[in-house]
């Protein structure tokens, strides 16, 4: 196990208060919550998302396909990278870049073991 997984499992479990249920019944954890936990692990200012490519936007019939590649950097070292994709409709297209950034934070946190729930 990696050092960050051991540390997370011992101290930073996700609590019931951090989980919310959306209209379709699925349970989610907000990206701001993941950010709080990442701050607790790596220190405030000890991590960041590094955009590795420009935002790719393709128009579809009913909306837009948006993707971007991000790297997770902690204390000057690239720990991991991911490509985040999302399909948005016409109403939510203006939030596209923020949506993929939010998905990237959630994805990185889950890679580090923060998707765990101790309920």
N, C-alpha and C. Protein backbone atom coordinates (compact mmCIF):
# COMPACT_ATOMS: atom_id res chain seq x y z
N UNK A 1 0.84 -1.19 0.00
CA UNK A 1 0.00 0.00 0.00
C UNK A 1 0.88 1.25 0.00
N UNK A 2 0.37 2.27 -0.64
CA UNK A 2 1.10 3.52 -0.71
C UNK A 2 0.98 4.27 0.62
N UNK A 3 1.88 5.19 0.87
CA UNK A 3 1.87 5.92 2.14
C UNK A 3 0.59 6.71 2.33
N UNK A 4 0.02 7.28 1.25
CA UNK A 4 -1.18 8.09 1.41
C UNK A 4 -2.40 7.23 1.70
N UNK A 5 -2.44 5.98 1.23
CA UNK A 5 -3.57 5.11 1.54
C UNK A 5 -3.56 4.69 3.01
N UNK A 6 -2.40 4.39 3.54
CA UNK A 6 -2.32 4.01 4.96
C UNK A 6 -2.78 5.18 5.83
N UNK A 7 -2.33 6.36 5.50
CA UNK A 7 -2.66 7.53 6.30
C UNK A 7 -4.16 7.84 6.23
N UNK A 8 -4.74 7.72 5.06
CA UNK A 8 -6.17 7.99 4.89
C UNK A 8 -7.00 7.00 5.67
N UNK A 9 -6.68 5.74 5.58
CA UNK A 9 -7.50 4.72 6.23
C UNK A 9 -7.47 4.87 7.74
N UNK A 10 -6.38 5.35 8.29
CA UNK A 10 -6.31 5.49 9.73
C UNK A 10 -7.01 6.71 10.27
N UNK A 11 -7.11 7.78 9.48
CA UNK A 11 -7.56 9.03 10.06
C UNK A 11 -8.64 9.76 9.28
N UNK A 12 -8.69 9.59 7.97
CA UNK A 12 -9.53 10.48 7.17
C UNK A 12 -10.66 9.75 6.44
N UNK A 13 -11.41 8.93 7.15
CA UNK A 13 -12.56 8.28 6.54
C UNK A 13 -13.61 9.34 6.22
N UNK A 14 -14.39 9.10 5.19
CA UNK A 14 -15.49 9.99 4.83
C UNK A 14 -16.64 9.73 5.79
N UNK A 15 -17.21 10.79 6.36
CA UNK A 15 -18.30 10.62 7.32
C UNK A 15 -19.66 10.72 6.62
N UNK A 16 -20.72 10.33 7.32
CA UNK A 16 -22.07 10.37 6.75
C UNK A 16 -22.47 11.79 6.37
N UNK A 17 -22.02 12.78 7.11
CA UNK A 17 -22.38 14.17 6.84
C UNK A 17 -21.81 14.68 5.53
N UNK A 18 -20.76 14.05 5.03
CA UNK A 18 -20.13 14.48 3.78
C UNK A 18 -20.79 13.89 2.53
N UNK A 19 -21.74 12.99 2.73
CA UNK A 19 -22.39 12.32 1.59
C UNK A 19 -23.78 12.91 1.40
N UNK A 20 -24.12 13.25 0.16
CA UNK A 20 -25.47 13.72 -0.11
C UNK A 20 -26.09 12.88 -1.22
N UNK A 21 -27.40 12.83 -1.21
CA UNK A 21 -28.15 12.03 -2.18
C UNK A 21 -28.80 12.97 -3.19
N UNK A 22 -28.62 12.67 -4.46
CA UNK A 22 -29.22 13.49 -5.52
C UNK A 22 -30.58 12.92 -5.90
N UNK A 23 -31.29 13.63 -6.78
CA UNK A 23 -32.67 13.28 -7.13
C UNK A 23 -32.84 11.86 -7.64
N UNK A 24 -31.86 11.35 -8.38
CA UNK A 24 -32.00 10.00 -8.93
C UNK A 24 -31.66 8.90 -7.93
N UNK A 25 -31.30 9.27 -6.70
CA UNK A 25 -31.03 8.30 -5.65
C UNK A 25 -29.57 7.95 -5.46
N UNK A 26 -28.71 8.39 -6.36
CA UNK A 26 -27.29 8.06 -6.19
C UNK A 26 -26.67 8.95 -5.11
N UNK A 27 -25.67 8.41 -4.45
CA UNK A 27 -25.00 9.14 -3.38
C UNK A 27 -23.67 9.68 -3.89
N UNK A 28 -23.40 10.93 -3.56
CA UNK A 28 -22.19 11.60 -4.02
C UNK A 28 -21.48 12.30 -2.88
N UNK A 29 -20.21 12.56 -3.12
CA UNK A 29 -19.43 13.38 -2.21
C UNK A 29 -18.98 14.58 -3.01
N UNK A 30 -19.23 15.77 -2.50
CA UNK A 30 -18.92 17.01 -3.21
C UNK A 30 -17.41 17.17 -3.38
N UNK A 31 -16.98 17.76 -4.49
CA UNK A 31 -15.54 17.92 -4.73
C UNK A 31 -14.88 18.83 -3.70
N UNK A 32 -15.64 19.76 -3.12
CA UNK A 32 -15.07 20.61 -2.06
C UNK A 32 -14.72 19.78 -0.83
N UNK A 33 -15.52 18.75 -0.56
CA UNK A 33 -15.22 17.84 0.55
C UNK A 33 -13.93 17.08 0.27
N UNK A 34 -13.80 16.57 -0.97
CA UNK A 34 -12.55 15.91 -1.34
C UNK A 34 -11.38 16.87 -1.18
N UNK A 35 -11.56 18.12 -1.60
CA UNK A 35 -10.50 19.11 -1.46
C UNK A 35 -10.09 19.31 -0.01
N UNK A 36 -11.06 19.33 0.90
CA UNK A 36 -10.77 19.46 2.33
C UNK A 36 -9.92 18.29 2.83
N UNK A 37 -10.29 17.08 2.40
CA UNK A 37 -9.52 15.91 2.82
C UNK A 37 -8.13 15.90 2.20
N UNK A 38 -8.01 16.33 0.95
CA UNK A 38 -6.69 16.41 0.32
C UNK A 38 -5.82 17.45 1.05
N UNK A 39 -6.43 18.56 1.50
CA UNK A 39 -5.69 19.54 2.29
C UNK A 39 -5.21 18.94 3.60
N UNK A 40 -6.03 18.10 4.22
CA UNK A 40 -5.63 17.47 5.48
C UNK A 40 -4.47 16.52 5.28
N UNK A 41 -4.43 15.85 4.12
CA UNK A 41 -3.37 14.88 3.86
C UNK A 41 -2.08 15.55 3.40
N UNK A 42 -2.19 16.41 2.38
CA UNK A 42 -1.00 16.99 1.76
C UNK A 42 -0.64 18.37 2.31
N UNK A 43 -1.50 18.94 3.13
CA UNK A 43 -1.28 20.28 3.65
C UNK A 43 -1.92 21.31 2.73
N UNK A 44 -2.34 22.43 3.31
CA UNK A 44 -2.94 23.49 2.51
C UNK A 44 -1.87 24.05 1.59
N UNK A 45 -2.16 24.05 0.31
CA UNK A 45 -1.18 24.50 -0.68
C UNK A 45 -0.17 23.42 -1.05
N UNK A 46 -0.32 22.22 -0.50
CA UNK A 46 0.62 21.14 -0.76
C UNK A 46 0.26 20.29 -1.96
N UNK A 47 -0.83 20.62 -2.63
CA UNK A 47 -1.25 19.86 -3.81
C UNK A 47 -1.95 20.80 -4.78
N UNK A 48 -2.00 20.41 -6.04
CA UNK A 48 -2.73 21.19 -7.03
C UNK A 48 -3.06 20.32 -8.24
N UNK A 49 -4.03 20.77 -9.00
CA UNK A 49 -4.34 20.16 -10.29
C UNK A 49 -3.54 20.93 -11.33
N UNK A 50 -2.86 20.20 -12.18
CA UNK A 50 -2.07 20.82 -13.23
C UNK A 50 -2.69 20.44 -14.57
N UNK A 51 -3.23 21.43 -15.31
CA UNK A 51 -3.78 21.11 -16.62
C UNK A 51 -2.67 20.73 -17.58
N UNK A 52 -2.75 19.54 -18.15
CA UNK A 52 -1.68 19.04 -19.01
C UNK A 52 -1.99 19.24 -20.49
N UNK A 53 -3.24 19.53 -20.81
CA UNK A 53 -3.65 19.80 -22.18
C UNK A 53 -4.71 20.88 -22.17
N UNK A 54 -4.97 21.44 -23.33
CA UNK A 54 -6.05 22.42 -23.45
C UNK A 54 -7.40 21.71 -23.34
N UNK A 55 -8.43 22.48 -23.06
CA UNK A 55 -9.78 21.93 -22.99
C UNK A 55 -10.22 21.56 -24.40
N UNK A 56 -10.73 20.35 -24.55
CA UNK A 56 -11.26 19.89 -25.83
C UNK A 56 -12.79 19.95 -25.75
N UNK A 57 -13.39 20.71 -26.65
CA UNK A 57 -14.86 20.85 -26.68
C UNK A 57 -15.35 20.45 -28.06
N UNK A 58 -16.24 19.46 -28.09
CA UNK A 58 -16.87 19.02 -29.34
C UNK A 58 -18.37 19.19 -29.19
N UNK A 59 -19.00 19.74 -30.22
CA UNK A 59 -20.44 19.90 -30.18
C UNK A 59 -21.11 18.61 -30.64
N UNK A 60 -22.09 18.18 -29.85
CA UNK A 60 -22.89 17.00 -30.18
C UNK A 60 -24.28 17.46 -30.59
N UNK A 61 -25.15 16.55 -30.92
CA UNK A 61 -26.53 16.91 -31.31
C UNK A 61 -27.26 17.66 -30.21
N UNK A 62 -27.18 17.16 -29.00
CA UNK A 62 -27.95 17.73 -27.89
C UNK A 62 -27.11 18.52 -26.89
N UNK A 63 -25.83 18.66 -27.11
CA UNK A 63 -25.01 19.37 -26.13
C UNK A 63 -23.56 19.38 -26.53
N UNK A 64 -22.68 19.24 -25.53
CA UNK A 64 -21.26 19.34 -25.74
C UNK A 64 -20.51 18.23 -25.03
N UNK A 65 -19.44 17.76 -25.65
CA UNK A 65 -18.52 16.81 -25.03
C UNK A 65 -17.28 17.61 -24.66
N UNK A 66 -16.90 17.58 -23.38
CA UNK A 66 -15.77 18.36 -22.90
C UNK A 66 -14.78 17.42 -22.24
N UNK A 67 -13.49 17.57 -22.54
CA UNK A 67 -12.47 16.75 -21.89
C UNK A 67 -11.21 17.57 -21.68
N UNK A 68 -10.44 17.14 -20.69
CA UNK A 68 -9.16 17.77 -20.39
C UNK A 68 -8.31 16.80 -19.59
N UNK A 69 -7.02 16.83 -19.82
CA UNK A 69 -6.10 15.98 -19.08
C UNK A 69 -5.49 16.80 -17.94
N UNK A 70 -5.55 16.24 -16.72
CA UNK A 70 -5.01 16.89 -15.52
C UNK A 70 -3.95 16.01 -14.89
N UNK A 71 -2.99 16.65 -14.25
CA UNK A 71 -2.02 15.97 -13.42
C UNK A 71 -2.23 16.38 -11.97
N UNK A 72 -1.95 15.48 -11.05
CA UNK A 72 -2.03 15.80 -9.62
C UNK A 72 -0.60 15.99 -9.13
N UNK A 73 -0.30 17.20 -8.69
CA UNK A 73 1.05 17.55 -8.25
C UNK A 73 1.02 17.80 -6.75
N UNK A 74 1.96 17.20 -6.04
CA UNK A 74 2.08 17.42 -4.60
C UNK A 74 3.53 17.73 -4.28
N UNK A 75 3.74 18.87 -3.65
CA UNK A 75 5.08 19.31 -3.23
C UNK A 75 6.09 19.20 -4.37
N UNK A 76 5.66 19.63 -5.56
CA UNK A 76 6.55 19.70 -6.71
C UNK A 76 6.71 18.41 -7.49
N UNK A 77 6.02 17.34 -7.12
CA UNK A 77 6.15 16.08 -7.84
C UNK A 77 4.81 15.67 -8.45
N UNK A 78 4.86 15.23 -9.69
CA UNK A 78 3.67 14.72 -10.36
C UNK A 78 3.40 13.31 -9.84
N UNK A 79 2.28 13.13 -9.15
CA UNK A 79 1.96 11.82 -8.57
C UNK A 79 1.16 10.95 -9.52
N UNK A 80 0.21 11.54 -10.22
CA UNK A 80 -0.63 10.77 -11.15
C UNK A 80 -1.30 11.73 -12.11
N UNK A 81 -1.87 11.18 -13.16
CA UNK A 81 -2.59 12.00 -14.13
C UNK A 81 -3.84 11.27 -14.61
N UNK A 82 -4.79 12.04 -15.11
CA UNK A 82 -6.04 11.46 -15.60
C UNK A 82 -6.64 12.34 -16.68
N UNK A 83 -7.42 11.74 -17.54
CA UNK A 83 -8.20 12.49 -18.52
C UNK A 83 -9.64 12.47 -18.06
N UNK A 84 -10.24 13.63 -17.93
CA UNK A 84 -11.60 13.76 -17.44
C UNK A 84 -12.50 14.17 -18.60
N UNK A 85 -13.64 13.49 -18.73
CA UNK A 85 -14.58 13.75 -19.82
C UNK A 85 -15.98 13.93 -19.25
N UNK A 86 -16.78 14.71 -19.95
CA UNK A 86 -18.14 14.93 -19.51
C UNK A 86 -18.98 15.38 -20.69
N UNK A 87 -20.24 14.99 -20.71
CA UNK A 87 -21.18 15.44 -21.74
C UNK A 87 -22.19 16.36 -21.07
N UNK A 88 -22.32 17.56 -21.61
CA UNK A 88 -23.21 18.56 -21.04
C UNK A 88 -24.29 18.93 -22.04
N UNK A 89 -25.46 19.32 -21.53
CA UNK A 89 -26.50 19.80 -22.43
C UNK A 89 -26.36 21.31 -22.62
N UNK A 90 -27.24 21.90 -23.38
CA UNK A 90 -27.14 23.32 -23.70
C UNK A 90 -27.23 24.21 -22.45
N UNK A 91 -28.08 23.81 -21.49
CA UNK A 91 -28.26 24.64 -20.29
C UNK A 91 -27.03 24.66 -19.39
N UNK A 92 -26.33 23.54 -19.29
CA UNK A 92 -25.21 23.45 -18.35
C UNK A 92 -23.85 23.61 -19.01
N UNK A 93 -23.81 23.95 -20.29
CA UNK A 93 -22.55 24.03 -21.01
C UNK A 93 -21.60 25.08 -20.43
N UNK A 94 -22.16 26.15 -19.88
CA UNK A 94 -21.29 27.21 -19.34
C UNK A 94 -20.51 26.75 -18.10
N UNK A 95 -20.93 25.66 -17.48
CA UNK A 95 -20.23 25.12 -16.31
C UNK A 95 -19.29 23.97 -16.67
N UNK A 96 -19.03 23.77 -17.94
CA UNK A 96 -18.28 22.61 -18.39
C UNK A 96 -16.89 22.49 -17.84
N UNK A 97 -16.11 23.57 -17.89
CA UNK A 97 -14.72 23.51 -17.42
C UNK A 97 -14.68 23.26 -15.92
N UNK A 98 -15.57 23.91 -15.19
CA UNK A 98 -15.63 23.69 -13.74
C UNK A 98 -16.06 22.26 -13.42
N UNK A 99 -16.95 21.71 -14.23
CA UNK A 99 -17.42 20.35 -14.02
C UNK A 99 -16.29 19.33 -14.19
N UNK A 100 -15.49 19.48 -15.23
CA UNK A 100 -14.42 18.50 -15.43
C UNK A 100 -13.32 18.68 -14.40
N UNK A 101 -13.10 19.90 -13.92
CA UNK A 101 -12.13 20.13 -12.85
C UNK A 101 -12.61 19.44 -11.57
N UNK A 102 -13.89 19.58 -11.29
CA UNK A 102 -14.48 18.96 -10.12
C UNK A 102 -14.40 17.44 -10.20
N UNK A 103 -14.68 16.89 -11.37
CA UNK A 103 -14.57 15.44 -11.56
C UNK A 103 -13.14 14.97 -11.41
N UNK A 104 -12.17 15.78 -11.85
CA UNK A 104 -10.77 15.40 -11.71
C UNK A 104 -10.36 15.35 -10.24
N UNK A 105 -10.78 16.33 -9.45
CA UNK A 105 -10.47 16.32 -8.01
C UNK A 105 -11.06 15.07 -7.37
N UNK A 106 -12.31 14.76 -7.68
CA UNK A 106 -12.94 13.57 -7.12
C UNK A 106 -12.22 12.30 -7.54
N UNK A 107 -11.83 12.24 -8.81
CA UNK A 107 -11.12 11.06 -9.30
C UNK A 107 -9.77 10.86 -8.64
N UNK A 108 -9.02 11.95 -8.46
CA UNK A 108 -7.72 11.84 -7.79
C UNK A 108 -7.90 11.43 -6.34
N UNK A 109 -8.86 12.00 -5.66
CA UNK A 109 -9.09 11.64 -4.26
C UNK A 109 -9.46 10.17 -4.13
N UNK A 110 -10.25 9.66 -5.06
CA UNK A 110 -10.61 8.25 -5.02
C UNK A 110 -9.42 7.36 -5.32
N UNK A 111 -8.49 7.82 -6.18
CA UNK A 111 -7.27 7.05 -6.43
C UNK A 111 -6.44 6.93 -5.17
N UNK A 112 -6.51 7.96 -4.31
CA UNK A 112 -5.74 7.95 -3.07
C UNK A 112 -6.49 7.29 -1.93
N UNK A 113 -7.66 6.69 -2.21
CA UNK A 113 -8.39 5.96 -1.18
C UNK A 113 -9.45 6.75 -0.46
N UNK A 114 -9.77 7.96 -0.91
CA UNK A 114 -10.75 8.79 -0.20
C UNK A 114 -12.19 8.48 -0.57
N UNK A 115 -12.43 7.57 -1.48
CA UNK A 115 -13.78 7.19 -1.83
C UNK A 115 -14.35 6.21 -0.82
N UNK A 116 -13.58 5.87 0.17
CA UNK A 116 -13.99 4.90 1.18
C UNK A 116 -15.01 5.51 2.12
N UNK A 117 -15.89 4.71 2.60
CA UNK A 117 -16.94 5.17 3.50
C UNK A 117 -17.00 4.22 4.68
N UNK A 118 -16.98 4.77 5.88
CA UNK A 118 -16.94 3.93 7.07
C UNK A 118 -18.30 3.83 7.77
N UNK A 119 -19.39 4.01 7.02
CA UNK A 119 -20.73 4.04 7.63
C UNK A 119 -21.29 2.70 7.76
